[in-house]
Amino acid sequence: MRWNLRMVAAERGIWKSTELRRRLAEAGLEISAGKMSGLWTGAPTMIRLDDLDVICSVLDCSPAELMIPEPEKVAARRPQTAKASSDGLRPAIVPRLGRNRTTPPA
């Protein structure tokens, strides 16, 4: 996911994080300067749904506008060596031998 807060805020005429922070405070969401900086400059590792709801309300947007999916990054993370199972729905499980491991029972 790509965090798109700055672009959505800019589309609404909010160019500074302090302006957004003030508007969020008026809507009842007090955010520290450090947390606001993290939301403004990069992708948050965690955000409460209640906070997201207030942000969307203040910016008059949906969560889908703030979080843009990047399926190509997901595809790049998939292991390329996994073989498909006989049903084609899930990858085949290949046992890793060594370090005192045995083959699974038949």
PDB file of N, CA and C in Angstrom:
ATOM      1  N   MET A   1       0.842  -1.189   0.000  1.00  0.00           N
ATOM      2  CA  MET A   1       0.000   0.000   0.000  1.00  0.00           C
ATOM      3  C   MET A   1       0.885   1.249   0.000  1.00  0.00           C
ATOM      4  N   ARG A   2       0.410   2.227  -0.706  1.00  0.00           N
ATOM      5  CA  ARG A   2       1.096   3.512  -0.726  1.00  0.00           C
ATOM      6  C   ARG A   2       0.222   4.514   0.008  1.00  0.00           C
ATOM      7  N   TRP A   3       0.798   5.216   0.958  1.00  0.00           N
ATOM      8  CA  TRP A   3       0.102   6.213   1.760  1.00  0.00           C
ATOM      9  C   TRP A   3       0.043   7.503   0.969  1.00  0.00           C
ATOM     10  N   ASN A   4      -1.145   8.059   0.802  1.00  0.00           N
ATOM     11  CA  ASN A   4      -1.374   9.169  -0.105  1.00  0.00           C
ATOM     12  C   ASN A   4      -1.936  10.405   0.613  1.00  0.00           C
ATOM     13  N   LEU A   5      -1.634  10.576   1.885  1.00  0.00           N
ATOM     14  CA  LEU A   5      -2.212  11.660   2.681  1.00  0.00           C
ATOM     15  C   LEU A   5      -1.847  13.036   2.132  1.00  0.00           C
ATOM     16  N   ARG A   6      -0.587  13.255   1.800  1.00  0.00           N
ATOM     17  CA  ARG A   6      -0.168  14.591   1.351  1.00  0.00           C
ATOM     18  C   ARG A   6      -0.869  15.002   0.064  1.00  0.00           C
ATOM     19  N   MET A   7      -1.023  14.065  -0.856  1.00  0.00           N
ATOM     20  CA  MET A   7      -1.667  14.395  -2.133  1.00  0.00           C
ATOM     21  C   MET A   7      -3.152  14.707  -1.922  1.00  0.00           C
ATOM     22  N   VAL A   8      -3.814  13.909  -1.105  1.00  0.00           N
ATOM     23  CA  VAL A   8      -5.240  14.145  -0.838  1.00  0.00           C
ATOM     24  C   VAL A   8      -5.415  15.488  -0.126  1.00  0.00           C
ATOM     25  N   ALA A   9      -4.541  15.778   0.836  1.00  0.00           N
ATOM     26  CA  ALA A   9      -4.623  17.061   1.536  1.00  0.00           C
ATOM     27  C   ALA A   9      -4.366  18.224   0.578  1.00  0.00           C
ATOM     28  N   ALA A  10      -3.388  18.075  -0.303  1.00  0.00           N
ATOM     29  CA  ALA A  10      -3.077  19.144  -1.259  1.00  0.00           C
ATOM     30  C   ALA A  10      -4.252  19.395  -2.199  1.00  0.00           C
ATOM     31  N   GLU A  11      -4.948  18.332  -2.585  1.00  0.00           N
ATOM     32  CA  GLU A  11      -6.116  18.497  -3.449  1.00  0.00           C
ATOM     33  C   GLU A  11      -7.222  19.279  -2.754  1.00  0.00           C
ATOM     34  N   ARG A  12      -7.197  19.296  -1.433  1.00  0.00           N
ATOM     35  CA  ARG A  12      -8.196  20.041  -0.651  1.00  0.00           C
ATOM     36  C   ARG A  12      -7.660  21.381  -0.164  1.00  0.00           C
ATOM     37  N   GLY A  13      -6.489  21.791  -0.653  1.00  0.00           N
ATOM     38  CA  GLY A  13      -5.927  23.093  -0.289  1.00  0.00           C
ATOM     39  C   GLY A  13      -5.169  23.105   1.016  1.00  0.00           C
ATOM     40  N   ILE A  14      -4.809  21.959   1.548  1.00  0.00           N
ATOM     41  CA  ILE A  14      -4.036  21.885   2.786  1.00  0.00           C
ATOM     42  C   ILE A  14      -2.605  21.539   2.396  1.00  0.00           C
ATOM     43  N   TRP A  15      -1.690  22.497   2.575  1.00  0.00           N
ATOM     44  CA  TRP A  15      -0.319  22.334   2.107  1.00  0.00           C
ATOM     45  C   TRP A  15       0.665  22.048   3.223  1.00  0.00           C
ATOM     46  N   LYS A  16       0.248  22.270   4.473  1.00  0.00           N
ATOM     47  CA  LYS A  16       1.167  22.072   5.601  1.00  0.00           C
ATOM     48  C   LYS A  16       0.547  21.118   6.611  1.00  0.00           C
ATOM     49  N   SER A  17       1.414  20.346   7.238  1.00  0.00           N
ATOM     50  CA  SER A  17       0.932  19.390   8.234  1.00  0.00           C
ATOM     51  C   SER A  17       0.320  20.098   9.437  1.00  0.00           C
ATOM     52  N   THR A  18       0.826  21.286   9.746  1.00  0.00           N
ATOM     53  CA  THR A  18       0.273  22.017  10.891  1.00  0.00           C
ATOM     54  C   THR A  18      -1.177  22.425  10.634  1.00  0.00           C
ATOM     55  N   GLU A  19      -1.489  22.752   9.379  1.00  0.00           N
ATOM     56  CA  GLU A  19      -2.867  23.103   9.035  1.00  0.00           C
ATOM     57  C   GLU A  19      -3.790  21.894   9.192  1.00  0.00           C
ATOM     58  N   LEU A  20      -3.340  20.729   8.718  1.00  0.00           N
ATOM     59  CA  LEU A  20      -4.142  19.511   8.869  1.00  0.00           C
ATOM     60  C   LEU A  20      -4.271  19.140  10.339  1.00  0.00           C
ATOM     61  N   ARG A  21      -3.199  19.285  11.080  1.00  0.00           N
ATOM     62  CA  ARG A  21      -3.227  18.971  12.518  1.00  0.00           C
ATOM     63  C   ARG A  21      -4.232  19.863  13.234  1.00  0.00           C
ATOM     64  N   ARG A  22      -4.284  21.157  12.866  1.00  0.00           N
ATOM     65  CA  ARG A  22      -5.245  22.089  13.481  1.00  0.00           C
ATOM     66  C   ARG A  22      -6.673  21.667  13.151  1.00  0.00           C
ATOM     67  N   ARG A  23      -6.921  21.296  11.887  1.00  0.00           N
ATOM     68  CA  ARG A  23      -8.269  20.879  11.490  1.00  0.00           C
ATOM     69  C   ARG A  23      -8.675  19.568  12.170  1.00  0.00           C
ATOM     70  N   LEU A  24      -7.730  18.666  12.327  1.00  0.00           N
ATOM     71  CA  LEU A  24      -8.033  17.418  13.029  1.00  0.00           C
ATOM     72  C   LEU A  24      -8.373  17.691  14.493  1.00  0.00           C
ATOM     73  N   ALA A  25      -7.651  18.634  15.109  1.00  0.00           N
ATOM     74  CA  ALA A  25      -7.936  18.999  16.500  1.00  0.00           C
ATOM     75  C   ALA A  25      -9.327  19.608  16.625  1.00  0.00           C
ATOM     76  N   GLU A  26      -9.722  20.404  15.653  1.00  0.00           N
ATOM     77  CA  GLU A  26     -11.065  20.983  15.663  1.00  0.00           C
ATOM     78  C   GLU A  26     -12.133  19.905  15.539  1.00  0.00           C
ATOM     79  N   ALA A  27     -11.789  18.792  14.894  1.00  0.00           N
ATOM     80  CA  ALA A  27     -12.729  17.684  14.726  1.00  0.00           C
ATOM     81  C   ALA A  27     -12.662  16.708  15.894  1.00  0.00           C
ATOM     82  N   GLY A  28     -11.784  16.979  16.869  1.00  0.00           N
ATOM     83  CA  GLY A  28     -11.722  16.144  18.058  1.00  0.00           C
ATOM     84  C   GLY A  28     -10.587  15.145  18.093  1.00  0.00           C
ATOM     85  N   LEU A  29      -9.662  15.219  17.162  1.00  0.00           N
ATOM     86  CA  LEU A  29      -8.531  14.293  17.139  1.00  0.00           C
ATOM     87  C   LEU A  29      -7.249  15.062  17.416  1.00  0.00           C
ATOM     88  N   GLU A  30      -6.746  14.916  18.630  1.00  0.00           N
ATOM     89  CA  GLU A  30      -5.488  15.563  19.015  1.00  0.00           C
ATOM     90  C   GLU A  30      -4.338  14.635  18.641  1.00  0.00           C
ATOM     91  N   ILE A  31      -3.466  15.086  17.746  1.00  0.00           N
ATOM     92  CA  ILE A  31      -2.310  14.299  17.303  1.00  0.00           C
ATOM     93  C   ILE A  31      -1.053  15.046  17.701  1.00  0.00           C
ATOM     94  N   SER A  32      -0.085  14.315  18.255  1.00  0.00           N
ATOM     95  CA  SER A  32       1.181  14.938  18.628  1.00  0.00           C
ATOM     96  C   SER A  32       1.921  15.365  17.367  1.00  0.00           C
ATOM     97  N   ALA A  33       2.857  16.285  17.538  1.00  0.00           N
ATOM     98  CA  ALA A  33       3.637  16.772  16.394  1.00  0.00           C
ATOM     99  C   ALA A  33       4.435  15.634  15.765  1.00  0.00           C
ATOM    100  N   GLY A  34       4.963  14.745  16.586  1.00  0.00           N
ATOM    101  CA  GLY A  34       5.732  13.618  16.067  1.00  0.00           C
ATOM    102  C   GLY A  34       4.894  12.654  15.255  1.00  0.00           C
ATOM    103  N   LYS A  35       3.714  12.325  15.760  1.00  0.00           N
ATOM    104  CA  LYS A  35       2.831  11.417  15.026  1.00  0.00           C
ATOM    105  C   LYS A  35       2.341  12.074  13.739  1.00  0.00           C
ATOM    106  N   MET A  36       2.049  13.369  13.798  1.00  0.00           N
ATOM    107  CA  MET A  36       1.605  14.081  12.596  1.00  0.00           C
ATOM    108  C   MET A  36       2.708  14.097  11.559  1.00  0.00           C
ATOM    109  N   SER A  37       3.938  14.277  11.998  1.00  0.00           N
ATOM    110  CA  SER A  37       5.072  14.261  11.077  1.00  0.00           C
ATOM    111  C   SER A  37       5.192  12.904  10.398  1.00  0.00           C
ATOM    112  N   GLY A  38       4.994  11.837  11.162  1.00  0.00           N
ATOM    113  CA  GLY A  38       5.045  10.498  10.593  1.00  0.00           C
ATOM    114  C   GLY A  38       3.932  10.254   9.586  1.00  0.00           C
ATOM    115  N   LEU A  39       2.733  10.725   9.889  1.00  0.00           N
ATOM    116  CA  LEU A  39       1.614  10.578   8.954  1.00  0.00           C
ATOM    117  C   LEU A  39       1.835  11.401   7.686  1.00  0.00           C
ATOM    118  N   TRP A  40       2.428  12.571   7.851  1.00  0.00           N
ATOM    119  CA  TRP A  40       2.591  13.498   6.735  1.00  0.00           C
ATOM    120  C   TRP A  40       3.737  13.094   5.804  1.00  0.00           C
ATOM    121  N   THR A  41       4.832  12.616   6.374  1.00  0.00           N
ATOM    122  CA  THR A  41       6.034  12.382   5.561  1.00  0.00           C
ATOM    123  C   THR A  41       6.182  10.954   5.057  1.00  0.00           C
ATOM    124  N   GLY A  42       5.539  10.008   5.685  1.00  0.00           N
ATOM    125  CA  GLY A  42       5.722   8.627   5.259  1.00  0.00           C
ATOM    126  C   GLY A  42       4.497   7.796   5.528  1.00  0.00           C
ATOM    127  N   ALA A  43       4.619   6.520   5.227  1.00  0.00           N
ATOM    128  CA  ALA A  43       3.503   5.604   5.450  1.00  0.00           C
ATOM    129  C   ALA A  43       3.487   5.173   6.915  1.00  0.00           C
ATOM    130  N   PRO A  44       2.361   5.300   7.582  1.00  0.00           N
ATOM    131  CA  PRO A  44       2.295   4.871   8.980  1.00  0.00           C
ATOM    132  C   PRO A  44       2.335   3.347   9.084  1.00  0.00           C
ATOM    133  N   THR A  45       3.011   2.845  10.095  1.00  0.00           N
ATOM    134  CA  THR A  45       3.024   1.401  10.305  1.00  0.00           C
ATOM    135  C   THR A  45       1.728   0.945  10.944  1.00  0.00           C
ATOM    136  N   MET A  46       1.070   1.858  11.639  1.00  0.00           N
ATOM    137  CA  MET A  46      -0.192   1.532  12.292  1.00  0.00           C
ATOM    138  C   MET A  46      -1.025   2.804  12.399  1.00  0.00           C
ATOM    139  N   ILE A  47      -2.323   2.649  12.183  1.00  0.00           N
ATOM    140  CA  ILE A  47      -3.237   3.775  12.365  1.00  0.00           C
ATOM    141  C   ILE A  47      -4.553   3.219  12.905  1.00  0.00           C
ATOM    142  N   ARG A  48      -5.067   3.855  13.921  1.00  0.00           N
ATOM    143  CA  ARG A  48      -6.344   3.413  14.502  1.00  0.00           C
ATOM    144  C   ARG A  48      -7.474   3.736  13.540  1.00  0.00           C
ATOM    145  N   LEU A  49      -8.451   2.856  13.499  1.00  0.00           N
ATOM    146  CA  LEU A  49      -9.594   3.070  12.605  1.00  0.00           C
ATOM    147  C   LEU A  49     -10.362   4.325  12.981  1.00  0.00           C
ATOM    148  N   ASP A  50     -10.448   4.622  14.271  1.00  0.00           N
ATOM    149  CA  ASP A  50     -11.127   5.851  14.706  1.00  0.00           C
ATOM    150  C   ASP A  50     -10.396   7.082  14.169  1.00  0.00           C
ATOM    151  N   ASP A  51      -9.053   7.051  14.216  1.00  0.00           N
ATOM    152  CA  ASP A  51      -8.263   8.170  13.693  1.00  0.00           C
ATOM    153  C   ASP A  51      -8.447   8.297  12.185  1.00  0.00           C
ATOM    154  N   LEU A  52      -8.439   7.163  11.502  1.00  0.00           N
ATOM    155  CA  LEU A  52      -8.627   7.163  10.053  1.00  0.00           C
ATOM    156  C   LEU A  52      -9.996   7.738   9.683  1.00  0.00           C
ATOM    157  N   ASP A  53     -10.992   7.418  10.491  1.00  0.00           N
ATOM    158  CA  ASP A  53     -12.342   7.934  10.258  1.00  0.00           C
ATOM    159  C   ASP A  53     -12.368   9.458  10.364  1.00  0.00           C
ATOM    160  N   VAL A  54     -11.685  10.017  11.361  1.00  0.00           N
ATOM    161  CA  VAL A  54     -11.650  11.478  11.528  1.00  0.00           C
ATOM    162  C   VAL A  54     -10.867  12.120  10.387  1.00  0.00           C
ATOM    163  N   ILE A  55      -9.736  11.519  10.006  1.00  0.00           N
ATOM    164  CA  ILE A  55      -8.942  12.062   8.903  1.00  0.00           C
ATOM    165  C   ILE A  55      -9.787  12.104   7.633  1.00  0.00           C
ATOM    166  N   CYS A  56     -10.490  11.015   7.355  1.00  0.00           N
ATOM    167  CA  CYS A  56     -11.340  10.972   6.159  1.00  0.00           C
ATOM    168  C   CYS A  56     -12.462  11.998   6.237  1.00  0.00           C
ATOM    169  N   SER A  57     -13.004  12.213   7.419  1.00  0.00           N
ATOM    170  CA  SER A  57     -14.069  13.192   7.593  1.00  0.00           C
ATOM    171  C   SER A  57     -13.552  14.607   7.341  1.00  0.00           C
ATOM    172  N   VAL A  58     -12.384  14.917   7.894  1.00  0.00           N
ATOM    173  CA  VAL A  58     -11.806  16.257   7.732  1.00  0.00           C
ATOM    174  C   VAL A  58     -11.435  16.514   6.279  1.00  0.00           C
ATOM    175  N   LEU A  59     -10.882  15.498   5.603  1.00  0.00           N
ATOM    176  CA  LEU A  59     -10.464  15.666   4.207  1.00  0.00           C
ATOM    177  C   LEU A  59     -11.583  15.378   3.211  1.00  0.00           C
ATOM    178  N   ASP A  60     -12.719  14.946   3.719  1.00  0.00           N
ATOM    179  CA  ASP A  60     -13.853  14.590   2.871  1.00  0.00           C
ATOM    180  C   ASP A  60     -13.421  13.597   1.781  1.00  0.00           C
ATOM    181  N   CYS A  61     -12.857  12.474   2.254  1.00  0.00           N
ATOM    182  CA  CYS A  61     -12.372  11.451   1.329  1.00  0.00           C
ATOM    183  C   CYS A  61     -12.691  10.071   1.898  1.00  0.00           C
ATOM    184  N   SER A  62     -12.359   9.057   1.155  1.00  0.00           N
ATOM    185  CA  SER A  62     -12.546   7.688   1.619  1.00  0.00           C
ATOM    186  C   SER A  62     -11.178   7.093   1.949  1.00  0.00           C
ATOM    187  N   PRO A  63     -11.142   6.032   2.741  1.00  0.00           N
ATOM    188  CA  PRO A  63      -9.851   5.375   3.016  1.00  0.00           C
ATOM    189  C   PRO A  63      -9.164   4.892   1.743  1.00  0.00           C
ATOM    190  N   ALA A  64      -9.938   4.561   0.718  1.00  0.00           N
ATOM    191  CA  ALA A  64      -9.348   4.104  -0.543  1.00  0.00           C
ATOM    192  C   ALA A  64      -8.533   5.202  -1.218  1.00  0.00           C
ATOM    193  N   GLU A  65      -8.858   6.457  -0.960  1.00  0.00           N
ATOM    194  CA  GLU A  65      -8.074   7.554  -1.525  1.00  0.00           C
ATOM    195  C   GLU A  65      -6.764   7.748  -0.763  1.00  0.00           C
ATOM    196  N   LEU A  66      -6.761   7.382   0.518  1.00  0.00           N
ATOM    197  CA  LEU A  66      -5.560   7.542   1.337  1.00  0.00           C
ATOM    198  C   LEU A  66      -4.587   6.370   1.189  1.00  0.00           C
ATOM    199  N   MET A  67      -5.112   5.198   0.878  1.00  0.00           N
ATOM    200  CA  MET A  67      -4.274   4.004   0.762  1.00  0.00           C
ATOM    201  C   MET A  67      -4.438   3.418  -0.631  1.00  0.00           C
ATOM    202  N   ILE A  68      -3.409   3.538  -1.430  1.00  0.00           N
ATOM    203  CA  ILE A  68      -3.461   3.072  -2.813  1.00  0.00           C
ATOM    204  C   ILE A  68      -2.762   1.717  -2.900  1.00  0.00           C
ATOM    205  N   PRO A  69      -3.477   0.690  -3.367  1.00  0.00           N
ATOM    206  CA  PRO A  69      -2.861  -0.636  -3.456  1.00  0.00           C
ATOM    207  C   PRO A  69      -1.774  -0.681  -4.525  1.00  0.00           C
ATOM    208  N   GLU A  70      -0.761  -1.484  -4.268  1.00  0.00           N
ATOM    209  CA  GLU A  70       0.338  -1.683  -5.208  1.00  0.00           C
ATOM    210  C   GLU A  70       0.522  -3.184  -5.436  1.00  0.00           C
ATOM    211  N   PRO A  71      -0.323  -3.793  -6.289  1.00  0.00           N
ATOM    212  CA  PRO A  71      -0.262  -5.242  -6.475  1.00  0.00           C
ATOM    213  C   PRO A  71       1.053  -5.729  -7.063  1.00  0.00           C
ATOM    214  N   GLU A  72       1.754  -4.881  -7.795  1.00  0.00           N
ATOM    215  CA  GLU A  72       3.031  -5.307  -8.363  1.00  0.00           C
ATOM    216  C   GLU A  72       4.067  -5.577  -7.274  1.00  0.00           C
ATOM    217  N   LYS A  73       3.993  -4.850  -6.166  1.00  0.00           N
ATOM    218  CA  LYS A  73       4.907  -5.106  -5.044  1.00  0.00           C
ATOM    219  C   LYS A  73       4.570  -6.430  -4.370  1.00  0.00           C
ATOM    220  N   VAL A  74       3.294  -6.744  -4.291  1.00  0.00           N
ATOM    221  CA  VAL A  74       2.878  -8.021  -3.705  1.00  0.00           C
ATOM    222  C   VAL A  74       3.374  -9.165  -4.577  1.00  0.00           C
ATOM    223  N   ALA A  75       3.219  -9.021  -5.890  1.00  0.00           N
ATOM    224  CA  ALA A  75       3.662 -10.067  -6.811  1.00  0.00           C
ATOM    225  C   ALA A  75       5.171 -10.249  -6.741  1.00  0.00           C
ATOM    226  N   ALA A  76       5.914  -9.172  -6.538  1.00  0.00           N
ATOM    227  CA  ALA A  76       7.371  -9.263  -6.466  1.00  0.00           C
ATOM    228  C   ALA A  76       7.831  -9.983  -5.206  1.00  0.00           C
ATOM    229  N   ARG A  77       7.024  -9.989  -4.154  1.00  0.00           N
ATOM    230  CA  ARG A  77       7.404 -10.644  -2.900  1.00  0.00           C
ATOM    231  C   ARG A  77       7.149 -12.143  -2.913  1.00  0.00           C
ATOM    232  N   ARG A  78       6.349 -12.624  -3.849  1.00  0.00           N
ATOM    233  CA  ARG A  78       6.041 -14.049  -3.902  1.00  0.00           C
ATOM    234  C   ARG A  78       7.276 -14.841  -4.300  1.00  0.00           C
ATOM    235  N   PRO A  79       7.493 -15.975  -3.662  1.00  0.00           N
ATOM    236  CA  PRO A  79       8.635 -16.799  -4.057  1.00  0.00           C
ATOM    237  C   PRO A  79       8.425 -17.366  -5.456  1.00  0.00           C
ATOM    238  N   GLN A  80       9.452 -17.310  -6.275  1.00  0.00           N
ATOM    239  CA  GLN A  80       9.356 -17.759  -7.657  1.00  0.00           C
ATOM    240  C   GLN A  80       9.595 -19.260  -7.807  1.00  0.00           C
ATOM    241  N   THR A  81      10.146 -19.920  -6.787  1.00  0.00           N
ATOM    242  CA  THR A  81      10.516 -21.321  -6.910  1.00  0.00           C
ATOM    243  C   THR A  81       9.425 -22.277  -6.468  1.00  0.00           C
ATOM    244  N   ALA A  82       8.333 -21.776  -5.929  1.00  0.00           N
ATOM    245  CA  ALA A  82       7.270 -22.656  -5.442  1.00  0.00           C
ATOM    246  C   ALA A  82       6.567 -23.338  -6.607  1.00  0.00           C
ATOM    247  N   LYS A  83       6.402 -24.651  -6.488  1.00  0.00           N
ATOM    248  CA  LYS A  83       5.688 -25.408  -7.506  1.00  0.00           C
ATOM    249  C   LYS A  83       4.221 -25.481  -7.114  1.00  0.00           C
ATOM    250  N   ALA A  84       3.363 -25.508  -8.089  1.00  0.00           N
ATOM    251  CA  ALA A  84       1.932 -25.596  -7.816  1.00  0.00           C
ATOM    252  C   ALA A  84       1.570 -27.018  -7.431  1.00  0.00           C
ATOM    253  N   SER A  85       0.573 -27.161  -6.594  1.00  0.00           N
ATOM    254  CA  SER A  85       0.112 -28.487  -6.204  1.00  0.00           C
ATOM    255  C   SER A  85      -0.704 -29.098  -7.334  1.00  0.00           C
ATOM    256  N   SER A  86      -1.082 -30.333  -7.163  1.00  0.00           N
ATOM    257  CA  SER A  86      -1.807 -31.025  -8.223  1.00  0.00           C
ATOM    258  C   SER A  86      -3.167 -30.385  -8.506  1.00  0.00           C
ATOM    259  N   ASP A  87      -3.786 -29.749  -7.497  1.00  0.00           N
ATOM    260  CA  ASP A  87      -5.077 -29.111  -7.742  1.00  0.00           C
ATOM    261  C   ASP A  87      -4.918 -27.697  -8.310  1.00  0.00           C
ATOM    262  N   GLY A  88      -3.696 -27.167  -8.305  1.00  0.00           N
ATOM    263  CA  GLY A  88      -3.427 -25.857  -8.893  1.00  0.00           C
ATOM    264  C   GLY A  88      -3.884 -24.689  -8.044  1.00  0.00           C
ATOM    265  N   LEU A  89      -4.393 -24.938  -6.848  1.00  0.00           N
ATOM    266  CA  LEU A  89      -4.940 -23.864  -6.021  1.00  0.00           C
ATOM    267  C   LEU A  89      -3.947 -23.334  -5.000  1.00  0.00           C
ATOM    268  N   ARG A  90      -3.050 -24.164  -4.533  1.00  0.00           N
ATOM    269  CA  ARG A  90      -2.102 -23.723  -3.518  1.00  0.00           C
ATOM    270  C   ARG A  90      -0.728 -24.295  -3.839  1.00  0.00           C
ATOM    271  N   PRO A  91       0.314 -23.646  -3.383  1.00  0.00           N
ATOM    272  CA  PRO A  91       1.652 -24.148  -3.690  1.00  0.00           C
ATOM    273  C   PRO A  91       1.908 -25.486  -2.997  1.00  0.00           C
ATOM    274  N   ALA A  92       2.679 -26.326  -3.664  1.00  0.00           N
ATOM    275  CA  ALA A  92       3.027 -27.617  -3.092  1.00  0.00           C
ATOM    276  C   ALA A  92       3.974 -27.406  -1.920  1.00  0.00           C
ATOM    277  N   ILE A  93       3.852 -28.225  -0.913  1.00  0.00           N
ATOM    278  CA  ILE A  93       4.713 -28.148   0.251  1.00  0.00           C
ATOM    279  C   ILE A  93       5.927 -29.032  -0.005  1.00  0.00           C
ATOM    280  N   VAL A  94       7.085 -28.420   0.062  1.00  0.00           N
ATOM    281  CA  VAL A  94       8.325 -29.144  -0.160  1.00  0.00           C
ATOM    282  C   VAL A  94       9.068 -29.189   1.162  1.00  0.00           C
ATOM    283  N   PRO A  95       9.320 -30.394   1.710  1.00  0.00           N
ATOM    284  CA  PRO A  95      10.004 -30.471   3.000  1.00  0.00           C
ATOM    285  C   PRO A  95      11.449 -30.009   2.880  1.00  0.00           C
ATOM    286  N   ARG A  96      11.916 -29.319   3.905  1.00  0.00           N
ATOM    287  CA  ARG A  96      13.314 -28.913   3.965  1.00  0.00           C
ATOM    288  C   ARG A  96      14.045 -29.925   4.829  1.00  0.00           C
ATOM    289  N   LEU A  97      14.949 -30.604   4.250  1.00  0.00           N
ATOM    290  CA  LEU A  97      15.686 -31.636   4.976  1.00  0.00           C
ATOM    291  C   LEU A  97      16.954 -31.035   5.568  1.00  0.00           C
ATOM    292  N   GLY A  98      17.490 -31.737   6.542  1.00  0.00           N
ATOM    293  CA  GLY A  98      18.703 -31.259   7.203  1.00  0.00           C
ATOM    294  C   GLY A  98      18.382 -30.819   8.602  1.00  0.00           C
ATOM    295  N   ARG A  99      19.399 -30.594   9.352  1.00  0.00           N
ATOM    296  CA  ARG A  99      19.259 -30.162  10.743  1.00  0.00           C
ATOM    297  C   ARG A  99      18.307 -31.067  11.501  1.00  0.00           C
ATOM    298  N   ASN A 100      18.513 -32.344  11.403  1.00  0.00           N
ATOM    299  CA  ASN A 100      17.745 -33.349  12.132  1.00  0.00           C
ATOM    300  C   ASN A 100      16.275 -33.383  11.756  1.00  0.00           C
ATOM    301  N   ARG A 101      15.950 -32.972  10.557  1.00  0.00           N
ATOM    302  CA  ARG A 101      14.559 -33.049  10.107  1.00  0.00           C
ATOM    303  C   ARG A 101      14.393 -34.312   9.283  1.00  0.00           C
ATOM    304  N   THR A 102      13.232 -34.877   9.381  1.00  0.00           N
ATOM    305  CA  THR A 102      12.923 -36.064   8.589  1.00  0.00           C
ATOM    306  C   THR A 102      11.842 -35.729   7.598  1.00  0.00           C
ATOM    307  N   THR A 103      11.633 -36.622   6.667  1.00  0.00           N
ATOM    308  CA  THR A 103      10.552 -36.419   5.699  1.00  0.00           C
ATOM    309  C   THR A 103       9.218 -36.600   6.404  1.00  0.00           C
ATOM    310  N   PRO A 104       8.183 -35.905   5.964  1.00  0.00           N
ATOM    311  CA  PRO A 104       6.878 -36.042   6.599  1.00  0.00           C
ATOM    312  C   PRO A 104       6.297 -37.426   6.329  1.00  0.00           C
ATOM    313  N   PRO A 105       5.401 -37.899   7.220  1.00  0.00           N
ATOM    314  CA  PRO A 105       4.792 -39.207   6.999  1.00  0.00           C
ATOM    315  C   PRO A 105       3.931 -39.208   5.739  1.00  0.00           C
ATOM    316  N   ALA A 106       3.839 -40.373   5.110  1.00  0.00           N
ATOM    317  CA  ALA A 106       3.076 -40.476   3.863  1.00  0.00           C
ATOM    318  C   ALA A 106       1.597 -40.560   4.123  1.00  0.00           C
TER     319      ALA A 106
END
